Amino acid sequence: MVVPGTYGSQLLTRALMEPFDASAANELASIIDAARRIPRILADLAVPRASGESFRITDHQVRVALAPQDHPTRATPFAWSARTTRRALGLAGVRALVSGAARSPVEAVRAVIDDAVRAADQGEASASAMDCWLAGLPPAGRVAVHADAVTWATRLWCALDWSALEGVPAIGRDHWWDSPHSSLLALRSRAEVRSIARDATGKPFSVHLVVLGGSRRPTIRSELSVAAMVEVLAAPASLPPGRIVGWWADSGRAIALEIDQAALAAGMAAVTRTMASLGTRPAHHGGPIRAAA
């Protein structure tokens, strides 16, 4: 791990892409060996809950379960809004910018919203719940949504030196790992940008930029460690995961996590505590619950 600090585009790109040292390559075999044992251990922990619900664990569940009593995370029922749509719309906008299909975040996000509304109005099978919500907004409401998403996309677009990334990065690819031993357990790792960095010998490792919201909370290392563990479990043999960088767009601060044995152990501990917390909590029936950003 590196000490958190304030990062401009060059420094943030360097934190994400800097070459791995020899110790990362040397520890890879032990990480892979540990990963073989993790699925069985996790499956044994995923005992049925009284509510009958499965464990679908995301960074939100980890944040709520591990928040200290003097720093609680407030949970609110999910509803579509400018805030809850800005990531999806912003990511689609950044994808258009990276591919060259749009020249500015304003243009990119406007095209995304127009396509979403068109899909909903025409009753296309691909239209999502978000698309239908956008289609039902009055013009002023869409302007507000557009402005919030443009701000989000602009921050991410300006955060990195995109020319320094190897190949075409994957934008907004979330990974779900489903336990092969228990249908009750699934874990999610999300990242806004995924790319490739290399060690001194040229061996590739995947690297992941996670955009963070809210305050610099005490659970962030646990959240990133769970994501690191999922990346190890889901990684192809040809591209082992190497690093996760969490970046607060509001402040420009970042924290980097090297995916090593310590990160795997922290991820296991966080998932264990989260499942214990969820197992004693009554089921919610008012729709999805998400933390307020």
C-alpha atoms as a PDB file:
ATOM      1  CA  MET A   1       0.000   0.000   0.000  1.00  0.00           C
ATOM      2  CA  VAL A   2       1.080   3.577  -0.494  1.00  0.00           C
ATOM      3  CA  VAL A   3       0.334   6.514   1.726  1.00  0.00           C
ATOM      4  CA  PRO A   4      -2.831   8.344   0.618  1.00  0.00           C
ATOM      5  CA  GLY A   5      -2.202  11.681  -1.046  1.00  0.00           C
ATOM      6  CA  THR A   6      -3.562  14.179  -3.541  1.00  0.00           C
ATOM      7  CA  TYR A   7      -3.113  13.121  -7.166  1.00  0.00           C
ATOM      8  CA  GLY A   8      -3.273  15.021 -10.457  1.00  0.00           C
ATOM      9  CA  SER A   9      -3.705  13.130 -13.722  1.00  0.00           C
ATOM     10  CA  GLN A  10      -0.014  12.282 -14.133  1.00  0.00           C
ATOM     11  CA  LEU A  11       0.423  11.097 -10.559  1.00  0.00           C
ATOM     12  CA  LEU A  12      -2.822   9.117 -10.545  1.00  0.00           C
ATOM     13  CA  THR A  13      -1.864   7.421 -13.808  1.00  0.00           C
ATOM     14  CA  ARG A  14       1.556   6.615 -12.388  1.00  0.00           C
ATOM     15  CA  ALA A  15       0.019   5.172  -9.210  1.00  0.00           C
ATOM     16  CA  LEU A  16      -2.159   2.918 -11.381  1.00  0.00           C
ATOM     17  CA  MET A  17       0.403   1.932 -14.013  1.00  0.00           C
ATOM     18  CA  GLU A  18       3.808   1.964 -12.352  1.00  0.00           C
ATOM     19  CA  PRO A  19       5.765  -1.264 -12.985  1.00  0.00           C
ATOM     20  CA  PHE A  20       5.601  -4.038 -10.423  1.00  0.00           C
ATOM     21  CA  ASP A  21       8.786  -4.959  -8.620  1.00  0.00           C
ATOM     22  CA  ALA A  22      10.258  -8.439  -8.413  1.00  0.00           C
ATOM     23  CA  SER A  23       8.465  -9.260  -5.162  1.00  0.00           C
ATOM     24  CA  ALA A  24       5.079  -9.092  -6.911  1.00  0.00           C
ATOM     25  CA  ALA A  25       6.103 -11.721  -9.428  1.00  0.00           C
ATOM     26  CA  ASN A  26       7.702 -13.877  -6.736  1.00  0.00           C
ATOM     27  CA  GLU A  27       4.564 -13.803  -4.591  1.00  0.00           C
ATOM     28  CA  LEU A  28       2.240 -14.676  -7.462  1.00  0.00           C
ATOM     29  CA  ALA A  29       2.559 -18.438  -6.945  1.00  0.00           C
ATOM     30  CA  SER A  30       1.621 -18.172  -3.267  1.00  0.00           C
ATOM     31  CA  ILE A  31      -1.362 -15.948  -4.105  1.00  0.00           C
ATOM     32  CA  ILE A  32      -2.641 -18.456  -6.663  1.00  0.00           C
ATOM     33  CA  ASP A  33      -2.182 -21.280  -4.151  1.00  0.00           C
ATOM     34  CA  ALA A  34      -4.134 -19.349  -1.511  1.00  0.00           C
ATOM     35  CA  ALA A  35      -6.881 -18.593  -4.019  1.00  0.00           C
ATOM     36  CA  ARG A  36      -7.464 -22.315  -4.557  1.00  0.00           C
ATOM     37  CA  ARG A  37      -8.434 -22.700  -0.895  1.00  0.00           C
ATOM     38  CA  ILE A  38     -10.623 -19.606  -0.558  1.00  0.00           C
ATOM     39  CA  PRO A  39     -13.779 -20.830  -2.395  1.00  0.00           C
ATOM     40  CA  ARG A  40     -14.224 -23.823  -0.096  1.00  0.00           C
ATOM     41  CA  ILE A  41     -13.676 -21.713   3.036  1.00  0.00           C
ATOM     42  CA  LEU A  42     -16.180 -19.089   1.896  1.00  0.00           C
ATOM     43  CA  ALA A  43     -18.779 -21.703   0.979  1.00  0.00           C
ATOM     44  CA  ASP A  44     -18.549 -23.194   4.466  1.00  0.00           C
ATOM     45  CA  LEU A  45     -19.252 -19.743   5.924  1.00  0.00           C
ATOM     46  CA  ALA A  46     -22.289 -19.109   3.701  1.00  0.00           C
ATOM     47  CA  VAL A  47     -24.829 -20.935   5.841  1.00  0.00           C
ATOM     48  CA  PRO A  48     -28.513 -20.199   5.059  1.00  0.00           C
ATOM     49  CA  ARG A  49     -29.998 -17.114   6.683  1.00  0.00           C
ATOM     50  CA  ALA A  50     -33.272 -17.164   8.557  1.00  0.00           C
ATOM     51  CA  SER A  51     -34.761 -14.971   5.833  1.00  0.00           C
ATOM     52  CA  GLY A  52     -33.798 -17.493   3.145  1.00  0.00           C
ATOM     53  CA  GLU A  53     -31.837 -14.842   1.257  1.00  0.00           C
ATOM     54  CA  SER A  54     -28.485 -15.526  -0.340  1.00  0.00           C
ATOM     55  CA  PHE A  55     -25.334 -13.515   0.304  1.00  0.00           C
ATOM     56  CA  ARG A  56     -24.711 -11.160  -2.632  1.00  0.00           C
ATOM     57  CA  ILE A  57     -21.934  -9.041  -1.205  1.00  0.00           C
ATOM     58  CA  THR A  58     -20.885  -5.722  -2.717  1.00  0.00           C
ATOM     59  CA  ASP A  59     -18.731  -2.877  -1.432  1.00  0.00           C
ATOM     60  CA  HIS A  60     -21.902  -1.356   0.030  1.00  0.00           C
ATOM     61  CA  GLN A  61     -22.602  -4.372   2.242  1.00  0.00           C
ATOM     62  CA  VAL A  62     -18.992  -4.378   3.419  1.00  0.00           C
ATOM     63  CA  ARG A  63     -19.152  -0.656   4.182  1.00  0.00           C
ATOM     64  CA  VAL A  64     -22.338  -0.963   6.233  1.00  0.00           C
ATOM     65  CA  ALA A  65     -21.258  -4.108   8.096  1.00  0.00           C
ATOM     66  CA  LEU A  66     -17.797  -2.869   9.039  1.00  0.00           C
ATOM     67  CA  ALA A  67     -18.576   0.783   9.790  1.00  0.00           C
ATOM     68  CA  PRO A  68     -17.513   1.670  13.357  1.00  0.00           C
ATOM     69  CA  GLN A  69     -20.247   2.686  15.753  1.00  0.00           C
ATOM     70  CA  ASP A  70     -19.002   6.264  15.873  1.00  0.00           C
ATOM     71  CA  HIS A  71     -18.913   6.446  12.043  1.00  0.00           C
ATOM     72  CA  PRO A  72     -22.127   4.701  10.880  1.00  0.00           C
ATOM     73  CA  THR A  73     -23.087   4.404   7.224  1.00  0.00           C
ATOM     74  CA  ARG A  74     -26.601   5.645   6.560  1.00  0.00           C
ATOM     75  CA  ALA A  75     -28.670   3.362   4.317  1.00  0.00           C
ATOM     76  CA  THR A  76     -31.594   4.647   2.267  1.00  0.00           C
ATOM     77  CA  PRO A  77     -34.067   2.885  -0.042  1.00  0.00           C
ATOM     78  CA  PHE A  78     -32.920   3.006  -3.647  1.00  0.00           C
ATOM     79  CA  ALA A  79     -34.679   5.388  -6.039  1.00  0.00           C
ATOM     80  CA  TRP A  80     -33.716   6.712  -9.460  1.00  0.00           C
ATOM     81  CA  SER A  81     -32.283  10.224  -9.300  1.00  0.00           C
ATOM     82  CA  ALA A  82     -29.550  12.350 -10.807  1.00  0.00           C
ATOM     83  CA  ARG A  83     -27.205  10.953  -8.152  1.00  0.00           C
ATOM     84  CA  THR A  84     -28.024   7.268  -8.693  1.00  0.00           C
ATOM     85  CA  THR A  85     -27.780   7.491 -12.498  1.00  0.00           C
ATOM     86  CA  ARG A  86     -24.638   9.591 -12.813  1.00  0.00           C
ATOM     87  CA  ARG A  87     -22.197   6.647 -12.682  1.00  0.00           C
ATOM     88  CA  ALA A  88     -23.951   4.567 -15.346  1.00  0.00           C
ATOM     89  CA  LEU A  89     -24.462   7.545 -17.651  1.00  0.00           C
ATOM     90  CA  GLY A  90     -20.988   8.913 -16.938  1.00  0.00           C
ATOM     91  CA  LEU A  91     -19.296   5.586 -17.680  1.00  0.00           C
ATOM     92  CA  ALA A  92     -21.166   5.242 -20.963  1.00  0.00           C
ATOM     93  CA  GLY A  93     -20.035   8.772 -21.799  1.00  0.00           C
ATOM     94  CA  VAL A  94     -16.392   8.006 -21.007  1.00  0.00           C
ATOM     95  CA  ARG A  95     -16.572   4.859 -23.148  1.00  0.00           C
ATOM     96  CA  ALA A  96     -17.694   7.057 -26.047  1.00  0.00           C
ATOM     97  CA  LEU A  97     -14.803   9.457 -25.402  1.00  0.00           C
ATOM     98  CA  VAL A  98     -12.217   6.669 -25.228  1.00  0.00           C
ATOM     99  CA  SER A  99     -13.488   5.137 -28.467  1.00  0.00           C
ATOM    100  CA  GLY A 100     -13.547   8.511 -30.228  1.00  0.00           C
ATOM    101  CA  ALA A 101     -17.314   8.421 -30.766  1.00  0.00           C
ATOM    102  CA  ALA A 102     -17.694  11.717 -28.882  1.00  0.00           C
ATOM    103  CA  ARG A 103     -15.506  14.796 -28.540  1.00  0.00           C
ATOM    104  CA  SER A 104     -16.553  16.082 -25.133  1.00  0.00           C
ATOM    105  CA  PRO A 105     -18.270  14.807 -21.979  1.00  0.00           C
ATOM    106  CA  VAL A 106     -21.236  17.095 -22.704  1.00  0.00           C
ATOM    107  CA  GLU A 107     -21.737  15.585 -26.148  1.00  0.00           C
ATOM    108  CA  ALA A 108     -21.087  12.034 -24.955  1.00  0.00           C
ATOM    109  CA  VAL A 109     -23.572  12.065 -22.071  1.00  0.00           C
ATOM    110  CA  ARG A 110     -26.243  13.826 -24.150  1.00  0.00           C
ATOM    111  CA  ALA A 111     -26.001  11.038 -26.746  1.00  0.00           C
ATOM    112  CA  VAL A 112     -26.246   8.379 -24.025  1.00  0.00           C
ATOM    113  CA  ILE A 113     -29.390   9.942 -22.558  1.00  0.00           C
ATOM    114  CA  ASP A 114     -30.952  10.409 -25.999  1.00  0.00           C
ATOM    115  CA  ASP A 115     -30.312   6.749 -26.839  1.00  0.00           C
ATOM    116  CA  ALA A 116     -31.787   5.633 -23.507  1.00  0.00           C
ATOM    117  CA  VAL A 117     -34.941   7.694 -23.976  1.00  0.00           C
ATOM    118  CA  ARG A 118     -35.318   6.496 -27.561  1.00  0.00           C
ATOM    119  CA  ALA A 119     -35.022   2.839 -26.496  1.00  0.00           C
ATOM    120  CA  ALA A 120     -37.687   3.313 -23.826  1.00  0.00           C
ATOM    121  CA  ASP A 121     -40.065   5.282 -26.076  1.00  0.00           C
ATOM    122  CA  GLN A 122     -39.821   2.662 -28.815  1.00  0.00           C
ATOM    123  CA  GLY A 123     -40.341  -0.217 -26.398  1.00  0.00           C
ATOM    124  CA  GLU A 124     -37.061  -1.901 -27.258  1.00  0.00           C
ATOM    125  CA  ALA A 125     -36.267  -5.073 -25.352  1.00  0.00           C
ATOM    126  CA  SER A 126     -32.889  -3.621 -24.374  1.00  0.00           C
ATOM    127  CA  ALA A 127     -34.472  -0.679 -22.550  1.00  0.00           C
ATOM    128  CA  SER A 128     -33.586  -0.776 -18.848  1.00  0.00           C
ATOM    129  CA  ALA A 129     -35.479   0.479 -15.813  1.00  0.00           C
ATOM    130  CA  MET A 130     -33.197   3.509 -15.846  1.00  0.00           C
ATOM    131  CA  ASP A 131     -34.052   4.177 -19.493  1.00  0.00           C
ATOM    132  CA  CYS A 132     -37.766   4.103 -18.693  1.00  0.00           C
ATOM    133  CA  TRP A 133     -37.253   6.472 -15.774  1.00  0.00           C
ATOM    134  CA  LEU A 134     -35.327   8.894 -17.988  1.00  0.00           C
ATOM    135  CA  ALA A 135     -38.051   8.747 -20.627  1.00  0.00           C
ATOM    136  CA  GLY A 136     -40.637   9.768 -18.041  1.00  0.00           C
ATOM    137  CA  LEU A 137     -38.745  12.840 -16.853  1.00  0.00           C
ATOM    138  CA  PRO A 138     -39.769  16.340 -17.946  1.00  0.00           C
ATOM    139  CA  PRO A 139     -37.152  18.304 -19.935  1.00  0.00           C
ATOM    140  CA  ALA A 140     -35.936  20.175 -16.858  1.00  0.00           C
ATOM    141  CA  GLY A 141     -35.393  16.894 -15.048  1.00  0.00           C
ATOM    142  CA  ARG A 142     -33.291  15.503 -17.888  1.00  0.00           C
ATOM    143  CA  VAL A 143     -31.188  18.670 -17.873  1.00  0.00           C
ATOM    144  CA  ALA A 144     -30.414  18.117 -14.189  1.00  0.00           C
ATOM    145  CA  VAL A 145     -29.531  14.462 -14.801  1.00  0.00           C
ATOM    146  CA  HIS A 146     -27.354  15.444 -17.762  1.00  0.00           C
ATOM    147  CA  ALA A 147     -25.465  18.045 -15.715  1.00  0.00           C
ATOM    148  CA  ASP A 148     -24.704  15.635 -12.875  1.00  0.00           C
ATOM    149  CA  ALA A 149     -23.546  12.885 -15.237  1.00  0.00           C
ATOM    150  CA  VAL A 150     -21.385  15.298 -17.237  1.00  0.00           C
ATOM    151  CA  THR A 151     -19.661  16.398 -14.023  1.00  0.00           C
ATOM    152  CA  TRP A 152     -18.993  12.762 -13.082  1.00  0.00           C
ATOM    153  CA  ALA A 153     -17.719  11.865 -16.564  1.00  0.00           C
ATOM    154  CA  THR A 154     -15.536  14.977 -16.806  1.00  0.00           C
ATOM    155  CA  ARG A 155     -13.793  14.171 -13.544  1.00  0.00           C
ATOM    156  CA  LEU A 156     -12.948  10.647 -14.661  1.00  0.00           C
ATOM    157  CA  TRP A 157     -12.001  11.754 -18.184  1.00  0.00           C
ATOM    158  CA  CYS A 158      -9.586  14.367 -16.798  1.00  0.00           C
ATOM    159  CA  ALA A 159      -8.240  12.136 -14.019  1.00  0.00           C
ATOM    160  CA  LEU A 160      -5.962   9.985 -16.181  1.00  0.00           C
ATOM    161  CA  ASP A 161      -3.406  10.296 -18.932  1.00  0.00           C
ATOM    162  CA  TRP A 162      -5.277   7.928 -21.236  1.00  0.00           C
ATOM    163  CA  SER A 163      -2.414   7.765 -23.735  1.00  0.00           C
ATOM    164  CA  ALA A 164      -0.263   6.101 -21.047  1.00  0.00           C
ATOM    165  CA  LEU A 165      -2.634   3.140 -20.636  1.00  0.00           C
ATOM    166  CA  GLU A 166      -1.756  -0.060 -22.458  1.00  0.00           C
ATOM    167  CA  GLY A 167      -4.228  -0.992 -25.178  1.00  0.00           C
ATOM    168  CA  VAL A 168      -7.903  -0.088 -24.887  1.00  0.00           C
ATOM    169  CA  PRO A 169      -8.955   0.037 -21.219  1.00  0.00           C
ATOM    170  CA  ALA A 170     -12.183  -1.567 -20.052  1.00  0.00           C
ATOM    171  CA  ILE A 171     -14.512   1.135 -18.733  1.00  0.00           C
ATOM    172  CA  GLY A 172     -16.979   0.296 -15.972  1.00  0.00           C
ATOM    173  CA  ARG A 173     -16.635  -3.494 -15.999  1.00  0.00           C
ATOM    174  CA  ASP A 174     -17.969  -4.985 -12.750  1.00  0.00           C
ATOM    175  CA  HIS A 175     -16.972  -8.565 -11.940  1.00  0.00           C
ATOM    176  CA  TRP A 176     -19.229 -11.002 -10.051  1.00  0.00           C
ATOM    177  CA  TRP A 177     -17.732 -14.150  -8.596  1.00  0.00           C
ATOM    178  CA  ASP A 178     -20.280 -16.912  -7.960  1.00  0.00           C
ATOM    179  CA  SER A 179     -19.177 -19.555  -5.492  1.00  0.00           C
ATOM    180  CA  PRO A 180     -18.724 -22.937  -7.221  1.00  0.00           C
ATOM    181  CA  HIS A 181     -19.568 -24.688  -3.936  1.00  0.00           C
ATOM    182  CA  SER A 182     -22.573 -22.709  -2.675  1.00  0.00           C
ATOM    183  CA  SER A 183     -25.473 -21.142  -4.552  1.00  0.00           C
ATOM    184  CA  LEU A 184     -25.927 -18.860  -1.545  1.00  0.00           C
ATOM    185  CA  LEU A 185     -22.801 -16.779  -2.145  1.00  0.00           C
ATOM    186  CA  ALA A 186     -21.710 -14.234  -4.747  1.00  0.00           C
ATOM    187  CA  LEU A 187     -19.168 -11.413  -4.403  1.00  0.00           C
ATOM    188  CA  ARG A 188     -18.766  -8.308  -6.542  1.00  0.00           C
ATOM    189  CA  SER A 189     -15.721  -6.297  -7.505  1.00  0.00           C
ATOM    190  CA  ARG A 190     -16.337  -3.053  -9.353  1.00  0.00           C
ATOM    191  CA  ALA A 191     -13.897  -0.811 -11.170  1.00  0.00           C
ATOM    192  CA  GLU A 192     -14.368   2.208 -13.382  1.00  0.00           C
ATOM    193  CA  VAL A 193     -11.161   1.623 -15.378  1.00  0.00           C
ATOM    194  CA  ARG A 194      -9.262  -1.636 -15.921  1.00  0.00           C
ATOM    195  CA  SER A 195      -5.934  -1.725 -17.717  1.00  0.00           C
ATOM    196  CA  ILE A 196      -2.623  -3.622 -17.820  1.00  0.00           C
ATOM    197  CA  ALA A 197       0.693  -2.876 -16.117  1.00  0.00           C
ATOM    198  CA  ARG A 198       3.838  -4.977 -16.233  1.00  0.00           C
ATOM    199  CA  ASP A 199       6.725  -6.049 -14.050  1.00  0.00           C
ATOM    200  CA  ALA A 200      10.398  -5.589 -14.864  1.00  0.00           C
ATOM    201  CA  THR A 201      10.401  -8.716 -17.052  1.00  0.00           C
ATOM    202  CA  GLY A 202       7.367  -7.621 -19.056  1.00  0.00           C
ATOM    203  CA  LYS A 203       4.885  -9.970 -17.370  1.00  0.00           C
ATOM    204  CA  PRO A 204       1.382  -8.401 -17.426  1.00  0.00           C
ATOM    205  CA  PHE A 205      -0.816  -7.720 -14.398  1.00  0.00           C
ATOM    206  CA  SER A 206      -4.303  -6.230 -14.400  1.00  0.00           C
ATOM    207  CA  VAL A 207      -4.784  -2.893 -12.634  1.00  0.00           C
ATOM    208  CA  HIS A 208      -8.060  -1.314 -11.535  1.00  0.00           C
ATOM    209  CA  LEU A 209      -9.162   2.254 -10.799  1.00  0.00           C
ATOM    210  CA  VAL A 210     -12.157   2.547  -8.468  1.00  0.00           C
ATOM    211  CA  VAL A 211     -13.924   5.907  -8.191  1.00  0.00           C
ATOM    212  CA  LEU A 212     -14.971   6.516  -4.593  1.00  0.00           C
ATOM    213  CA  GLY A 213     -17.650   8.796  -3.204  1.00  0.00           C
ATOM    214  CA  GLY A 214     -18.365  10.341   0.153  1.00  0.00           C
ATOM    215  CA  SER A 215     -15.823  10.878   2.908  1.00  0.00           C
ATOM    216  CA  ARG A 216     -12.528   9.018   3.315  1.00  0.00           C
ATOM    217  CA  ARG A 217     -14.180   6.355   5.448  1.00  0.00           C
ATOM    218  CA  PRO A 218     -12.378   3.940   7.780  1.00  0.00           C
ATOM    219  CA  THR A 219     -13.699   0.864   5.929  1.00  0.00           C
ATOM    220  CA  ILE A 220     -12.085   1.674   2.579  1.00  0.00           C
ATOM    221  CA  ARG A 221      -9.130  -0.706   2.940  1.00  0.00           C
ATOM    222  CA  SER A 222     -11.551  -3.551   3.702  1.00  0.00           C
ATOM    223  CA  GLU A 223     -13.731  -2.636   0.710  1.00  0.00           C
ATOM    224  CA  LEU A 224     -10.731  -2.624  -1.636  1.00  0.00           C
ATOM    225  CA  SER A 225      -9.394  -5.853  -0.114  1.00  0.00           C
ATOM    226  CA  VAL A 226     -12.667  -7.638  -0.895  1.00  0.00           C
ATOM    227  CA  ALA A 227     -12.452  -6.330  -4.463  1.00  0.00           C
ATOM    228  CA  ALA A 228      -8.861  -7.565  -4.629  1.00  0.00           C
ATOM    229  CA  MET A 229      -9.900 -11.038  -3.458  1.00  0.00           C
ATOM    230  CA  VAL A 230     -12.663 -11.204  -6.072  1.00  0.00           C
ATOM    231  CA  GLU A 231     -10.206 -10.178  -8.778  1.00  0.00           C
ATOM    232  CA  VAL A 232      -7.877 -13.005  -7.747  1.00  0.00           C
ATOM    233  CA  LEU A 233     -10.721 -15.548  -7.743  1.00  0.00           C
ATOM    234  CA  ALA A 234     -12.038 -14.416 -11.137  1.00  0.00           C
ATOM    235  CA  ALA A 235      -8.728 -13.713 -12.900  1.00  0.00           C
ATOM    236  CA  PRO A 236      -7.633 -15.706 -15.943  1.00  0.00           C
ATOM    237  CA  ALA A 237      -4.279 -17.432 -15.547  1.00  0.00           C
ATOM    238  CA  SER A 238      -2.825 -15.258 -18.293  1.00  0.00           C
ATOM    239  CA  LEU A 239      -3.590 -11.983 -16.516  1.00  0.00           C
ATOM    240  CA  PRO A 240      -3.238 -12.095 -12.726  1.00  0.00           C
ATOM    241  CA  PRO A 241      -4.500  -9.042 -10.820  1.00  0.00           C
ATOM    242  CA  GLY A 242      -1.845  -6.752  -9.417  1.00  0.00           C
ATOM    243  CA  ARG A 243      -3.166  -3.453  -8.075  1.00  0.00           C
ATOM    244  CA  ILE A 244      -6.304  -1.512  -7.150  1.00  0.00           C
ATOM    245  CA  VAL A 245      -6.296   2.269  -6.807  1.00  0.00           C
ATOM    246  CA  GLY A 246      -9.215   3.919  -5.044  1.00  0.00           C
ATOM    247  CA  TRP A 247      -9.688   7.568  -6.022  1.00  0.00           C
ATOM    248  CA  TRP A 248     -11.952  10.182  -4.450  1.00  0.00           C
ATOM    249  CA  ALA A 249     -13.038  12.403  -7.349  1.00  0.00           C
ATOM    250  CA  ASP A 250     -14.252  15.174  -5.045  1.00  0.00           C
ATOM    251  CA  SER A 251     -10.891  15.701  -3.356  1.00  0.00           C
ATOM    252  CA  GLY A 252      -8.415  14.174  -5.803  1.00  0.00           C
ATOM    253  CA  ARG A 253      -6.987  11.922  -3.098  1.00  0.00           C
ATOM    254  CA  ALA A 254      -6.167   8.286  -3.759  1.00  0.00           C
ATOM    255  CA  ILE A 255      -5.027   5.111  -2.047  1.00  0.00           C
ATOM    256  CA  ALA A 256      -3.329   2.159  -3.753  1.00  0.00           C
ATOM    257  CA  LEU A 257      -3.629  -1.482  -2.725  1.00  0.00           C
ATOM    258  CA  GLU A 258      -1.169  -4.058  -4.022  1.00  0.00           C
ATOM    259  CA  ILE A 259      -2.944  -7.404  -4.442  1.00  0.00           C
ATOM    260  CA  ASP A 260      -0.841  -9.675  -2.250  1.00  0.00           C
ATOM    261  CA  GLN A 261      -1.236 -12.178   0.591  1.00  0.00           C
ATOM    262  CA  ALA A 262      -2.046  -9.399   3.055  1.00  0.00           C
ATOM    263  CA  ALA A 263      -4.818  -8.107   0.787  1.00  0.00           C
ATOM    264  CA  LEU A 264      -6.299 -11.608   0.443  1.00  0.00           C
ATOM    265  CA  ALA A 265      -6.278 -12.094   4.211  1.00  0.00           C
ATOM    266  CA  ALA A 266      -7.937  -8.708   4.740  1.00  0.00           C
ATOM    267  CA  GLY A 267     -10.546  -9.544   2.099  1.00  0.00           C
ATOM    268  CA  MET A 268     -11.349 -12.874   3.749  1.00  0.00           C
ATOM    269  CA  ALA A 269     -11.707 -11.191   7.149  1.00  0.00           C
ATOM    270  CA  ALA A 270     -13.989  -8.500   5.708  1.00  0.00           C
ATOM    271  CA  VAL A 271     -16.257 -11.002   3.933  1.00  0.00           C
ATOM    272  CA  THR A 272     -16.441 -13.162   7.072  1.00  0.00           C
ATOM    273  CA  ARG A 273     -17.520 -10.199   9.203  1.00  0.00           C
ATOM    274  CA  THR A 274     -19.953  -9.002   6.552  1.00  0.00           C
ATOM    275  CA  MET A 275     -21.654 -12.386   6.263  1.00  0.00           C
ATOM    276  CA  ALA A 276     -21.896 -12.602  10.045  1.00  0.00           C
ATOM    277  CA  SER A 277     -23.567  -9.185  10.107  1.00  0.00           C
ATOM    278  CA  LEU A 278     -25.963  -9.995   7.271  1.00  0.00           C
ATOM    279  CA  GLY A 279     -26.832 -13.340   8.796  1.00  0.00           C
ATOM    280  CA  THR A 280     -28.210 -11.673  11.929  1.00  0.00           C
ATOM    281  CA  ARG A 281     -29.992  -8.842  10.141  1.00  0.00           C
ATOM    282  CA  PRO A 282     -33.685  -9.129   9.177  1.00  0.00           C
ATOM    283  CA  ALA A 283     -34.543  -9.140   5.490  1.00  0.00           C
ATOM    284  CA  HIS A 284     -35.509  -5.839   3.855  1.00  0.00           C
ATOM    285  CA  HIS A 285     -38.689  -5.815   1.819  1.00  0.00           C
ATOM    286  CA  GLY A 286     -38.779  -2.182   0.671  1.00  0.00           C
ATOM    287  CA  GLY A 287     -36.604  -2.618  -2.388  1.00  0.00           C
ATOM    288  CA  PRO A 288     -32.807  -2.424  -2.725  1.00  0.00           C
ATOM    289  CA  ILE A 289     -30.942  -0.557  -0.024  1.00  0.00           C
ATOM    290  CA  ARG A 290     -27.925   1.548  -0.859  1.00  0.00           C
ATOM    291  CA  ALA A 291     -25.670   3.785   1.141  1.00  0.00           C
ATOM    292  CA  ALA A 292     -26.078   7.517   0.768  1.00  0.00           C
ATOM    293  CA  ALA A 293     -23.056   8.986  -0.995  1.00  0.00           C
END
